[in-house]
Amino acid sequence: MIVFGLAEVVTGFTHRFFGISTSTATIFTGVAAPIDGFYVASGLLILTMKRWAAVLAIALLVADIAGRLWLADARLYPLSSFEQVFALVVGTAIAIAFAIYIAGKWNLYK
């Protein structure tokens, strides 16, 4: 999660990731970078192996997912090509998978 989150934060500032463009609007950077930071924070929280941290990590992943959908709905994230739509869908699916994984490992957290 930390690596994925850092990649997304960098993408929020550079507006490019493996040939896929994101919005170059300043508001996109201002909104996307903190949303993507939730991803990084989730990964760091999980390292503590505490239940309260797992709950907070899941909440931050849900906020990340909601933020992605809001960016697309607000048309700040361009959906003008198959690649951009695919990137949004896959990225969101990965965040969902991380949240499900954390919840599924609930007994590991103390």
N, C-alpha and C. Protein backbone atom coordinates (compact mmCIF):
# COMPACT_ATOMS: atom_id res chain seq x y z
N MET A 1 0.83 -1.20 0.00
CA MET A 1 0.00 0.00 0.00
C MET A 1 0.86 1.25 0.00
N ILE A 2 1.97 1.19 0.71
CA ILE A 2 2.85 2.35 0.77
C ILE A 2 3.41 2.66 -0.62
N VAL A 3 3.86 1.64 -1.32
CA VAL A 3 4.42 1.84 -2.67
C VAL A 3 3.35 2.35 -3.64
N PHE A 4 2.17 1.71 -3.60
CA PHE A 4 1.09 2.16 -4.48
C PHE A 4 0.71 3.60 -4.16
N GLY A 5 0.62 3.91 -2.89
CA GLY A 5 0.26 5.27 -2.47
C GLY A 5 1.28 6.30 -2.91
N LEU A 6 2.56 5.98 -2.72
CA LEU A 6 3.61 6.92 -3.15
C LEU A 6 3.58 7.12 -4.66
N ALA A 7 3.33 6.05 -5.41
CA ALA A 7 3.23 6.17 -6.87
C ALA A 7 2.07 7.10 -7.24
N GLU A 8 0.97 7.00 -6.51
CA GLU A 8 -0.17 7.85 -6.81
C GLU A 8 0.07 9.30 -6.41
N VAL A 9 0.76 9.51 -5.30
CA VAL A 9 1.09 10.88 -4.89
C VAL A 9 1.97 11.53 -5.96
N VAL A 10 2.99 10.81 -6.40
CA VAL A 10 3.88 11.34 -7.46
C VAL A 10 3.08 11.63 -8.71
N THR A 11 2.17 10.72 -9.08
CA THR A 11 1.33 10.93 -10.25
C THR A 11 0.46 12.17 -10.10
N GLY A 12 -0.02 12.41 -8.89
CA GLY A 12 -0.83 13.60 -8.64
C GLY A 12 -0.08 14.89 -8.94
N PHE A 13 1.24 14.86 -8.73
CA PHE A 13 2.05 16.06 -8.99
C PHE A 13 2.58 16.11 -10.42
N THR A 14 2.92 14.95 -10.99
CA THR A 14 3.50 14.94 -12.34
C THR A 14 2.45 14.82 -13.43
N HIS A 15 1.27 14.32 -13.07
CA HIS A 15 0.14 14.18 -14.00
C HIS A 15 0.39 13.13 -15.09
N ARG A 16 1.36 12.23 -14.87
CA ARG A 16 1.62 11.17 -15.84
C ARG A 16 2.01 9.90 -15.08
N PHE A 17 1.52 8.77 -15.58
CA PHE A 17 1.88 7.48 -15.00
C PHE A 17 1.80 6.44 -16.10
N PHE A 18 2.94 5.90 -16.50
CA PHE A 18 3.01 4.89 -17.56
C PHE A 18 2.22 5.31 -18.80
N GLY A 19 2.37 6.56 -19.19
CA GLY A 19 1.72 7.04 -20.40
C GLY A 19 0.29 7.49 -20.24
N ILE A 20 -0.25 7.37 -19.04
CA ILE A 20 -1.63 7.79 -18.78
C ILE A 20 -1.58 9.18 -18.15
N SER A 21 -2.36 10.08 -18.72
CA SER A 21 -2.38 11.45 -18.22
C SER A 21 -3.53 11.65 -17.25
N THR A 22 -3.23 12.42 -16.22
CA THR A 22 -4.29 12.87 -15.33
C THR A 22 -4.51 14.34 -15.62
N SER A 23 -5.43 14.92 -14.95
CA SER A 23 -5.72 16.33 -15.17
C SER A 23 -4.52 17.18 -14.78
N THR A 24 -4.30 18.23 -15.55
CA THR A 24 -3.23 19.16 -15.21
C THR A 24 -3.76 20.35 -14.42
N ALA A 25 -5.03 20.31 -14.09
CA ALA A 25 -5.63 21.41 -13.32
C ALA A 25 -5.02 21.46 -11.93
N THR A 26 -4.75 22.66 -11.47
CA THR A 26 -4.17 22.85 -10.15
C THR A 26 -5.05 22.26 -9.06
N ILE A 27 -6.35 22.38 -9.21
CA ILE A 27 -7.26 21.83 -8.20
C ILE A 27 -7.11 20.31 -8.12
N PHE A 28 -6.83 19.64 -9.24
CA PHE A 28 -6.62 18.19 -9.22
C PHE A 28 -5.45 17.85 -8.31
N THR A 29 -4.34 18.55 -8.47
CA THR A 29 -3.16 18.29 -7.65
C THR A 29 -3.48 18.53 -6.18
N GLY A 30 -4.16 19.61 -5.90
CA GLY A 30 -4.49 19.95 -4.52
C GLY A 30 -5.42 18.97 -3.85
N VAL A 31 -6.26 18.31 -4.63
CA VAL A 31 -7.22 17.35 -4.08
C VAL A 31 -6.66 15.93 -4.16
N ALA A 32 -6.04 15.57 -5.26
CA ALA A 32 -5.59 14.19 -5.48
C ALA A 32 -4.43 13.81 -4.57
N ALA A 33 -3.48 14.70 -4.37
CA ALA A 33 -2.31 14.35 -3.55
C ALA A 33 -2.71 13.97 -2.12
N PRO A 34 -3.56 14.74 -1.45
CA PRO A 34 -3.97 14.31 -0.10
C PRO A 34 -4.78 13.01 -0.12
N ILE A 35 -5.64 12.85 -1.12
CA ILE A 35 -6.42 11.62 -1.22
C ILE A 35 -5.48 10.43 -1.38
N ASP A 36 -4.49 10.57 -2.24
CA ASP A 36 -3.52 9.50 -2.44
C ASP A 36 -2.65 9.30 -1.20
N GLY A 37 -2.46 10.35 -0.44
CA GLY A 37 -1.74 10.23 0.83
C GLY A 37 -2.44 9.32 1.82
N PHE A 38 -3.77 9.22 1.69
CA PHE A 38 -4.52 8.29 2.55
C PHE A 38 -4.03 6.86 2.32
N TYR A 39 -3.70 6.55 1.10
CA TYR A 39 -3.20 5.23 0.72
C TYR A 39 -1.89 4.94 1.46
N VAL A 40 -0.97 5.91 1.43
CA VAL A 40 0.32 5.78 2.11
C VAL A 40 0.10 5.62 3.62
N ALA A 41 -0.75 6.47 4.16
CA ALA A 41 -1.03 6.41 5.60
C ALA A 41 -1.62 5.07 6.00
N SER A 42 -2.46 4.51 5.16
CA SER A 42 -3.04 3.19 5.45
C SER A 42 -1.94 2.13 5.56
N GLY A 43 -1.02 2.16 4.64
CA GLY A 43 0.09 1.21 4.68
C GLY A 43 0.94 1.36 5.93
N LEU A 44 1.21 2.59 6.30
CA LEU A 44 2.00 2.84 7.51
C LEU A 44 1.25 2.40 8.77
N LEU A 45 -0.05 2.64 8.80
CA LEU A 45 -0.84 2.23 9.96
C LEU A 45 -0.85 0.71 10.14
N ILE A 46 -0.94 -0.01 9.06
CA ILE A 46 -0.99 -1.47 9.13
C ILE A 46 0.30 -2.03 9.73
N LEU A 47 1.41 -1.35 9.52
CA LEU A 47 2.68 -1.82 10.07
C LEU A 47 2.66 -1.90 11.59
N THR A 48 1.78 -1.16 12.23
CA THR A 48 1.71 -1.18 13.70
C THR A 48 1.06 -2.46 14.22
N MET A 49 0.27 -3.13 13.39
CA MET A 49 -0.45 -4.36 13.76
C MET A 49 -1.44 -4.14 14.91
N LYS A 50 -1.95 -2.94 15.04
CA LYS A 50 -2.95 -2.61 16.06
C LYS A 50 -4.34 -2.58 15.43
N ARG A 51 -5.34 -3.01 16.20
CA ARG A 51 -6.70 -3.02 15.66
C ARG A 51 -7.20 -1.61 15.35
N TRP A 52 -6.91 -0.66 16.24
CA TRP A 52 -7.38 0.70 15.98
C TRP A 52 -6.76 1.23 14.69
N ALA A 53 -5.50 0.83 14.42
CA ALA A 53 -4.82 1.28 13.20
C ALA A 53 -5.44 0.61 11.97
N ALA A 54 -5.84 -0.66 12.11
CA ALA A 54 -6.49 -1.35 11.00
C ALA A 54 -7.82 -0.70 10.66
N VAL A 55 -8.57 -0.32 11.70
CA VAL A 55 -9.85 0.37 11.48
C VAL A 55 -9.61 1.69 10.76
N LEU A 56 -8.63 2.44 11.23
CA LEU A 56 -8.32 3.73 10.61
C LEU A 56 -7.80 3.52 9.18
N ALA A 57 -7.01 2.49 8.95
CA ALA A 57 -6.49 2.21 7.61
C ALA A 57 -7.63 1.91 6.65
N ILE A 58 -8.59 1.10 7.09
CA ILE A 58 -9.74 0.80 6.25
C ILE A 58 -10.54 2.07 5.96
N ALA A 59 -10.73 2.90 6.99
CA ALA A 59 -11.47 4.16 6.80
C ALA A 59 -10.74 5.06 5.79
N LEU A 60 -9.42 5.12 5.87
CA LEU A 60 -8.66 5.94 4.92
C LEU A 60 -8.73 5.37 3.51
N LEU A 61 -8.74 4.04 3.39
CA LEU A 61 -8.89 3.44 2.06
C LEU A 61 -10.28 3.73 1.49
N VAL A 62 -11.29 3.69 2.33
CA VAL A 62 -12.65 4.04 1.88
C VAL A 62 -12.67 5.51 1.42
N ALA A 63 -12.00 6.38 2.18
CA ALA A 63 -11.93 7.80 1.78
C ALA A 63 -11.17 7.94 0.45
N ASP A 64 -10.12 7.16 0.27
CA ASP A 64 -9.37 7.18 -0.99
C ASP A 64 -10.26 6.76 -2.15
N ILE A 65 -11.02 5.69 -1.96
CA ILE A 65 -11.92 5.20 -3.00
C ILE A 65 -12.99 6.25 -3.31
N ALA A 66 -13.58 6.81 -2.27
CA ALA A 66 -14.60 7.86 -2.48
C ALA A 66 -13.99 9.07 -3.19
N GLY A 67 -12.77 9.42 -2.82
CA GLY A 67 -12.09 10.54 -3.46
C GLY A 67 -11.84 10.31 -4.93
N ARG A 68 -11.44 9.09 -5.28
CA ARG A 68 -11.22 8.74 -6.69
C ARG A 68 -12.52 8.91 -7.48
N LEU A 69 -13.59 8.37 -6.90
CA LEU A 69 -14.88 8.46 -7.58
C LEU A 69 -15.34 9.91 -7.69
N TRP A 70 -15.09 10.69 -6.66
CA TRP A 70 -15.46 12.11 -6.72
C TRP A 70 -14.65 12.83 -7.80
N LEU A 71 -13.34 12.55 -7.88
CA LEU A 71 -12.51 13.17 -8.92
C LEU A 71 -13.03 12.85 -10.31
N ALA A 72 -13.45 11.61 -10.51
CA ALA A 72 -14.00 11.22 -11.82
C ALA A 72 -15.35 11.90 -12.05
N ASP A 73 -16.20 11.91 -11.03
CA ASP A 73 -17.52 12.52 -11.17
C ASP A 73 -17.43 14.03 -11.39
N ALA A 74 -16.46 14.67 -10.76
CA ALA A 74 -16.27 16.12 -10.92
C ALA A 74 -15.53 16.45 -12.21
N ARG A 75 -15.20 15.42 -12.97
CA ARG A 75 -14.49 15.56 -14.24
C ARG A 75 -13.08 16.15 -14.07
N LEU A 76 -12.53 15.98 -12.88
CA LEU A 76 -11.15 16.41 -12.66
C LEU A 76 -10.18 15.31 -13.09
N TYR A 77 -10.65 14.08 -13.10
CA TYR A 77 -9.88 12.97 -13.63
C TYR A 77 -10.44 12.67 -15.00
N PRO A 78 -9.63 12.81 -16.05
CA PRO A 78 -10.16 12.60 -17.40
C PRO A 78 -10.48 11.13 -17.66
N LEU A 79 -11.61 10.92 -18.30
CA LEU A 79 -12.03 9.56 -18.68
C LEU A 79 -12.26 9.49 -20.18
N SER A 80 -11.38 10.13 -20.92
CA SER A 80 -11.56 10.26 -22.36
C SER A 80 -10.96 9.11 -23.17
N SER A 81 -10.28 8.18 -22.50
CA SER A 81 -9.71 7.06 -23.23
C SER A 81 -9.90 5.77 -22.42
N PHE A 82 -9.81 4.66 -23.11
CA PHE A 82 -9.92 3.36 -22.46
C PHE A 82 -8.85 3.21 -21.37
N GLU A 83 -7.63 3.65 -21.68
CA GLU A 83 -6.53 3.51 -20.72
C GLU A 83 -6.80 4.25 -19.43
N GLN A 84 -7.37 5.46 -19.53
CA GLN A 84 -7.66 6.24 -18.33
C GLN A 84 -8.77 5.60 -17.50
N VAL A 85 -9.80 5.11 -18.16
CA VAL A 85 -10.88 4.43 -17.46
C VAL A 85 -10.35 3.15 -16.81
N PHE A 86 -9.56 2.40 -17.56
CA PHE A 86 -8.97 1.16 -17.05
C PHE A 86 -8.11 1.44 -15.81
N ALA A 87 -7.28 2.48 -15.88
CA ALA A 87 -6.42 2.84 -14.75
C ALA A 87 -7.25 3.19 -13.52
N LEU A 88 -8.32 3.94 -13.70
CA LEU A 88 -9.18 4.30 -12.58
C LEU A 88 -9.85 3.06 -11.98
N VAL A 89 -10.37 2.20 -12.83
CA VAL A 89 -11.05 1.00 -12.36
C VAL A 89 -10.08 0.07 -11.64
N VAL A 90 -8.92 -0.18 -12.23
CA VAL A 90 -7.95 -1.09 -11.62
C VAL A 90 -7.40 -0.51 -10.33
N GLY A 91 -7.06 0.77 -10.35
CA GLY A 91 -6.54 1.41 -9.13
C GLY A 91 -7.54 1.37 -8.00
N THR A 92 -8.79 1.62 -8.31
CA THR A 92 -9.84 1.57 -7.30
C THR A 92 -10.04 0.14 -6.82
N ALA A 93 -10.00 -0.82 -7.73
CA ALA A 93 -10.15 -2.23 -7.35
C ALA A 93 -9.02 -2.68 -6.42
N ILE A 94 -7.83 -2.20 -6.66
CA ILE A 94 -6.70 -2.55 -5.79
C ILE A 94 -6.91 -1.97 -4.39
N ALA A 95 -7.37 -0.74 -4.31
CA ALA A 95 -7.65 -0.14 -3.00
C ALA A 95 -8.74 -0.92 -2.27
N ILE A 96 -9.77 -1.33 -2.99
CA ILE A 96 -10.84 -2.14 -2.40
C ILE A 96 -10.27 -3.48 -1.91
N ALA A 97 -9.42 -4.10 -2.72
CA ALA A 97 -8.81 -5.38 -2.34
C ALA A 97 -7.98 -5.24 -1.07
N PHE A 98 -7.23 -4.15 -0.95
CA PHE A 98 -6.45 -3.93 0.27
C PHE A 98 -7.37 -3.81 1.49
N ALA A 99 -8.47 -3.08 1.36
CA ALA A 99 -9.40 -2.93 2.48
C ALA A 99 -10.00 -4.28 2.88
N ILE A 100 -10.37 -5.07 1.89
CA ILE A 100 -10.93 -6.40 2.16
C ILE A 100 -9.87 -7.30 2.81
N TYR A 101 -8.65 -7.21 2.34
CA TYR A 101 -7.56 -8.01 2.90
C TYR A 101 -7.33 -7.66 4.36
N ILE A 102 -7.28 -6.38 4.65
CA ILE A 102 -7.08 -5.94 6.04
C ILE A 102 -8.20 -6.47 6.93
N ALA A 103 -9.42 -6.33 6.48
CA ALA A 103 -10.58 -6.81 7.25
C ALA A 103 -10.52 -8.33 7.42
N GLY A 104 -10.05 -9.03 6.40
CA GLY A 104 -9.97 -10.48 6.46
C GLY A 104 -8.90 -10.99 7.40
N LYS A 105 -7.93 -10.17 7.71
CA LYS A 105 -6.84 -10.54 8.62
C LYS A 105 -7.06 -9.95 10.02
N TRP A 106 -8.29 -9.69 10.35
CA TRP A 106 -8.63 -8.99 11.60
C TRP A 106 -8.01 -9.65 12.83
N ASN A 107 -7.93 -10.97 12.86
CA ASN A 107 -7.41 -11.67 14.03
C ASN A 107 -5.91 -11.45 14.26
N LEU A 108 -5.20 -10.94 13.25
CA LEU A 108 -3.77 -10.67 13.40
C LEU A 108 -3.48 -9.40 14.18
N TYR A 109 -4.46 -8.53 14.23
CA TYR A 109 -4.26 -7.23 14.88
C TYR A 109 -4.59 -7.33 16.36
N LYS A 110 -3.75 -6.74 17.17
CA LYS A 110 -3.93 -6.79 18.64
C LYS A 110 -4.48 -5.51 19.19
